[in-house]
N, C-alpha and C. Protein backbone atom coordinates (compact mmCIF):
# COMPACT_ATOMS: atom_id res chain seq x y z
N MET A 1 -71.46 95.87 53.53
CA MET A 1 -70.54 96.26 52.71
C MET A 1 -69.15 96.61 53.44
N LEU A 2 -69.33 97.17 54.59
CA LEU A 2 -68.21 97.51 55.41
C LEU A 2 -67.57 96.23 55.84
N LYS A 3 -68.27 95.38 56.29
CA LYS A 3 -67.75 94.00 56.64
C LYS A 3 -66.83 93.35 55.64
N GLU A 4 -67.42 93.38 54.47
CA GLU A 4 -66.66 92.82 53.19
C GLU A 4 -65.29 93.68 52.99
N ILE A 5 -65.41 94.92 53.05
CA ILE A 5 -64.20 95.67 52.94
C ILE A 5 -63.16 95.41 54.12
N ALA A 6 -63.80 95.27 55.34
CA ALA A 6 -62.81 94.98 56.41
C ALA A 6 -62.24 93.64 56.33
N GLY A 7 -62.82 92.84 55.55
CA GLY A 7 -62.19 91.47 55.44
C GLY A 7 -60.92 91.47 54.37
N TYR A 8 -60.90 92.41 53.54
CA TYR A 8 -60.02 92.58 52.56
C TYR A 8 -58.73 93.23 53.25
N LEU A 9 -58.96 94.14 54.35
CA LEU A 9 -57.88 94.75 54.90
C LEU A 9 -56.84 93.92 55.61
N GLY A 10 -57.20 92.93 56.33
CA GLY A 10 -56.34 91.97 56.89
C GLY A 10 -55.33 92.51 57.72
N LYS A 11 -54.10 92.35 57.34
CA LYS A 11 -52.95 92.87 58.23
C LYS A 11 -52.77 94.39 57.92
N TYR A 12 -53.42 94.96 57.11
CA TYR A 12 -53.21 96.42 56.78
C TYR A 12 -54.16 97.39 57.69
N LYS A 13 -54.90 96.79 58.57
CA LYS A 13 -55.72 97.67 59.40
C LYS A 13 -55.03 98.75 60.14
N LYS A 14 -53.93 98.49 60.56
CA LYS A 14 -53.21 99.53 61.38
C LYS A 14 -52.73 100.71 60.30
N ASP A 15 -52.29 100.33 59.16
CA ASP A 15 -51.79 101.28 58.28
C ASP A 15 -52.96 102.03 57.64
N VAL A 16 -54.05 101.43 57.45
CA VAL A 16 -55.35 102.07 56.96
C VAL A 16 -55.84 103.23 58.02
N CYS A 17 -55.68 102.94 59.35
CA CYS A 17 -55.97 103.84 60.35
C CYS A 17 -55.02 104.89 60.51
N MET A 18 -53.63 104.54 60.31
CA MET A 18 -52.62 105.49 60.67
C MET A 18 -52.45 106.53 59.48
N SER A 19 -52.72 106.09 58.24
CA SER A 19 -52.29 106.94 57.16
C SER A 19 -53.25 108.22 57.07
N PRO A 20 -54.43 108.18 57.25
CA PRO A 20 -55.12 109.56 57.33
C PRO A 20 -54.63 110.34 58.52
N PHE A 21 -54.47 110.03 59.68
CA PHE A 21 -53.84 110.82 60.66
C PHE A 21 -52.54 111.43 60.36
N ALA A 22 -51.59 110.59 59.74
CA ALA A 22 -50.34 111.18 59.25
C ALA A 22 -50.39 112.16 58.24
N MET A 23 -51.37 112.06 57.34
CA MET A 23 -51.51 113.21 56.39
C MET A 23 -52.22 114.37 56.86
N VAL A 24 -53.14 114.30 57.90
CA VAL A 24 -53.66 115.33 58.66
C VAL A 24 -52.63 116.12 59.36
N GLY A 25 -51.66 115.38 59.94
CA GLY A 25 -50.64 115.99 60.68
C GLY A 25 -49.65 116.77 59.61
N GLU A 26 -49.44 116.25 58.50
CA GLU A 26 -48.68 116.91 57.60
C GLU A 26 -49.32 118.18 56.94
N VAL A 27 -50.62 118.15 56.81
CA VAL A 27 -51.40 119.20 56.46
C VAL A 27 -51.42 120.36 57.48
N VAL A 28 -51.64 120.03 58.84
CA VAL A 28 -51.60 121.02 59.94
C VAL A 28 -50.13 121.59 59.93
N CYS A 29 -49.04 120.89 59.83
CA CYS A 29 -47.72 121.44 59.68
C CYS A 29 -47.56 122.48 58.53
N GLU A 30 -48.09 121.96 57.45
CA GLU A 30 -47.81 123.00 56.28
C GLU A 30 -48.76 124.14 56.49
N MET A 31 -49.69 124.08 57.24
CA MET A 31 -50.77 125.42 57.31
C MET A 31 -50.08 126.23 58.42
N LEU A 32 -49.27 125.70 59.32
CA LEU A 32 -48.72 126.45 60.36
C LEU A 32 -47.66 127.42 59.77
N ILE A 33 -46.80 126.79 58.95
CA ILE A 33 -45.60 127.61 58.42
C ILE A 33 -46.00 129.08 57.95
N PRO A 34 -47.04 129.27 57.09
CA PRO A 34 -47.36 130.82 56.71
C PRO A 34 -47.70 131.42 58.04
N VAL A 35 -48.55 131.01 59.02
CA VAL A 35 -48.88 131.63 60.15
C VAL A 35 -47.51 132.14 61.06
N LEU A 36 -46.65 131.16 61.07
CA LEU A 36 -45.34 131.43 61.83
C LEU A 36 -44.62 132.43 61.08
N MET A 37 -44.55 132.46 59.75
CA MET A 37 -43.87 133.27 58.90
C MET A 37 -44.36 134.77 59.11
N GLY A 38 -45.73 134.86 59.07
CA GLY A 38 -46.40 136.14 59.36
C GLY A 38 -46.05 136.82 60.64
N LYS A 39 -45.99 135.96 61.68
CA LYS A 39 -45.53 136.48 63.00
C LYS A 39 -44.19 136.83 63.11
N LEU A 40 -43.35 136.01 62.47
CA LEU A 40 -41.98 136.28 62.30
C LEU A 40 -41.65 137.73 61.60
N VAL A 41 -42.36 138.02 60.54
CA VAL A 41 -42.33 139.27 59.83
C VAL A 41 -42.65 140.41 60.79
N ASP A 42 -44.09 140.24 61.21
CA ASP A 42 -44.71 141.27 62.02
C ASP A 42 -44.04 141.52 63.28
N ASN A 43 -43.78 140.65 64.08
CA ASN A 43 -43.14 140.86 65.45
C ASN A 43 -41.73 140.73 65.43
N GLY A 44 -40.96 140.17 64.44
CA GLY A 44 -39.62 140.09 64.58
C GLY A 44 -38.77 141.12 63.67
N ILE A 45 -39.12 140.92 62.42
CA ILE A 45 -38.36 141.76 61.34
C ILE A 45 -38.80 143.14 61.47
N TYR A 46 -39.98 143.48 61.62
CA TYR A 46 -40.30 144.75 61.47
C TYR A 46 -40.04 145.59 62.91
N ALA A 47 -40.10 144.81 63.99
CA ALA A 47 -39.65 145.30 65.29
C ALA A 47 -38.16 145.22 65.46
N GLY A 48 -37.45 144.54 64.67
CA GLY A 48 -35.99 144.55 64.79
C GLY A 48 -35.56 143.63 66.01
N ASN A 49 -36.39 142.67 66.32
CA ASN A 49 -36.16 141.80 67.43
C ASN A 49 -35.48 140.41 66.91
N THR A 50 -34.09 140.44 67.02
CA THR A 50 -33.37 139.31 66.53
C THR A 50 -33.66 137.97 67.22
N SER A 51 -33.85 138.16 68.49
CA SER A 51 -33.93 136.87 69.30
C SER A 51 -35.28 136.27 69.01
N TYR A 52 -36.27 137.14 68.75
CA TYR A 52 -37.62 136.50 68.39
C TYR A 52 -37.38 135.79 66.97
N VAL A 53 -36.84 136.49 66.09
CA VAL A 53 -36.73 135.87 64.79
C VAL A 53 -36.00 134.44 64.93
N LEU A 54 -34.88 134.39 65.59
CA LEU A 54 -34.27 133.32 65.84
C LEU A 54 -35.08 132.12 66.47
N HIS A 55 -35.81 132.47 67.44
CA HIS A 55 -36.51 131.51 68.33
C HIS A 55 -37.84 131.10 67.29
N LEU A 56 -38.38 131.91 66.64
CA LEU A 56 -39.39 131.56 65.80
C LEU A 56 -38.89 130.62 64.55
N GLY A 57 -37.64 131.12 64.12
CA GLY A 57 -37.09 130.30 63.06
C GLY A 57 -36.81 128.88 63.38
N VAL A 58 -36.44 128.61 64.64
CA VAL A 58 -36.21 127.24 65.10
C VAL A 58 -37.60 126.55 65.13
N TRP A 59 -38.70 127.12 65.61
CA TRP A 59 -39.88 126.57 65.62
C TRP A 59 -40.41 126.24 64.23
N MET A 60 -40.08 127.16 63.34
CA MET A 60 -40.44 126.84 61.89
C MET A 60 -39.79 125.55 61.46
N LEU A 61 -38.44 125.52 61.74
CA LEU A 61 -37.68 124.41 61.34
C LEU A 61 -38.37 123.05 61.99
N LEU A 62 -38.65 123.14 63.14
CA LEU A 62 -39.15 121.95 63.84
C LEU A 62 -40.50 121.57 63.17
N VAL A 63 -41.33 122.48 63.04
CA VAL A 63 -42.54 122.30 62.28
C VAL A 63 -42.42 121.71 60.93
N ALA A 64 -41.53 122.33 60.28
CA ALA A 64 -41.25 121.61 58.96
C ALA A 64 -40.89 120.24 58.80
N VAL A 65 -39.79 119.88 59.73
CA VAL A 65 -39.37 118.44 59.97
C VAL A 65 -40.50 117.72 60.40
N ALA A 66 -41.21 118.16 61.33
CA ALA A 66 -42.54 117.30 61.82
C ALA A 66 -43.48 117.06 60.67
N GLY A 67 -43.58 118.05 59.87
CA GLY A 67 -44.47 117.79 58.58
C GLY A 67 -43.83 116.94 57.60
N PHE A 68 -42.61 116.89 57.52
CA PHE A 68 -41.91 115.96 56.65
C PHE A 68 -42.03 114.63 57.14
N PHE A 69 -41.91 114.42 58.25
CA PHE A 69 -41.77 113.07 58.84
C PHE A 69 -43.16 112.48 58.89
N SER A 70 -44.11 113.27 59.17
CA SER A 70 -45.59 112.95 59.21
C SER A 70 -46.06 112.55 57.76
N GLY A 71 -45.64 113.20 56.83
CA GLY A 71 -45.87 112.99 55.34
C GLY A 71 -45.33 111.73 54.99
N CYS A 72 -44.08 111.48 55.28
CA CYS A 72 -43.36 110.15 55.01
C CYS A 72 -44.10 108.96 55.58
N ALA A 73 -44.52 109.22 56.94
CA ALA A 73 -45.24 108.12 57.54
C ALA A 73 -46.52 107.94 56.94
N GLY A 74 -47.20 108.92 56.44
CA GLY A 74 -48.47 108.55 55.77
C GLY A 74 -48.33 107.95 54.45
N ARG A 75 -47.31 108.33 53.70
CA ARG A 75 -47.03 107.73 52.39
C ARG A 75 -46.66 106.37 52.54
N CYS A 76 -45.67 106.06 53.58
CA CYS A 76 -45.11 104.68 53.77
C CYS A 76 -46.22 103.73 54.29
N SER A 77 -47.18 104.22 55.02
CA SER A 77 -48.15 103.32 55.54
C SER A 77 -49.13 103.07 54.57
N SER A 78 -49.33 103.96 53.44
CA SER A 78 -50.23 103.86 52.51
C SER A 78 -49.84 102.77 51.35
N THR A 79 -48.53 102.65 51.11
CA THR A 79 -48.16 101.62 50.32
C THR A 79 -48.01 100.17 50.71
N SER A 80 -48.06 99.36 49.90
CA SER A 80 -48.09 97.89 50.10
C SER A 80 -46.67 97.40 50.69
N ARG A 81 -46.70 96.51 51.88
CA ARG A 81 -45.47 96.13 52.25
C ARG A 81 -44.98 94.99 51.53
N SER A 82 -45.71 94.37 50.80
CA SER A 82 -45.06 93.23 50.00
C SER A 82 -45.51 93.50 48.57
N SER A 83 -44.73 94.03 47.77
CA SER A 83 -45.05 94.48 46.36
C SER A 83 -45.11 93.20 45.63
N PRO A 84 -45.71 93.07 44.37
CA PRO A 84 -45.81 91.89 43.56
C PRO A 84 -44.45 91.38 43.10
N SER A 85 -43.43 92.34 42.86
CA SER A 85 -42.16 92.10 42.28
C SER A 85 -41.43 91.37 43.53
N ARG A 86 -41.54 91.86 44.57
CA ARG A 86 -40.75 91.20 45.77
C ARG A 86 -41.46 89.86 45.97
N THR A 87 -42.76 89.69 46.01
CA THR A 87 -43.42 88.41 46.16
C THR A 87 -42.90 87.34 45.07
N SER A 88 -42.86 87.78 43.92
CA SER A 88 -42.40 86.88 42.74
C SER A 88 -40.92 86.47 42.94
N ILE A 89 -40.20 87.32 43.36
CA ILE A 89 -38.78 87.00 43.36
C ILE A 89 -38.61 85.95 44.50
N THR A 90 -39.38 86.18 45.65
CA THR A 90 -39.31 85.12 46.81
C THR A 90 -39.78 83.82 46.20
N SER A 91 -40.92 83.88 45.49
CA SER A 91 -41.55 82.58 45.11
C SER A 91 -40.55 81.78 44.13
N ALA A 92 -39.88 82.73 43.30
CA ALA A 92 -38.93 82.11 42.21
C ALA A 92 -37.71 81.47 43.11
N ARG A 93 -37.16 82.14 44.10
CA ARG A 93 -36.09 81.56 44.83
C ARG A 93 -36.48 80.10 45.51
N ARG A 94 -37.81 80.14 46.10
CA ARG A 94 -38.17 78.90 46.70
C ARG A 94 -38.40 77.72 45.64
N ALA A 95 -38.78 78.05 44.45
CA ALA A 95 -39.07 77.07 43.32
C ALA A 95 -37.69 76.46 43.00
N SER A 96 -36.69 77.25 43.07
CA SER A 96 -35.33 76.67 42.48
C SER A 96 -34.35 76.09 43.54
């Protein structure tokens, strides 16, 4: 059964392998944000440590951007590269 499914993958093997890893990367980044926020509140805001707040704020921004791009990579790799509408337009141009 796996061999039959692998036969259908063809040129999408790389995308099929990359998509789950990209989604896991997005989930990890999304799960880190509350942890960093907790540290920011506990060690920065309550302690009055402005430099710690700024430092951790930059890290939170970087994690959020990494999660965004990881999610975009997962979604882009999971969609078809040649949609039926694009294929039909190309075929129509060749026919005329």
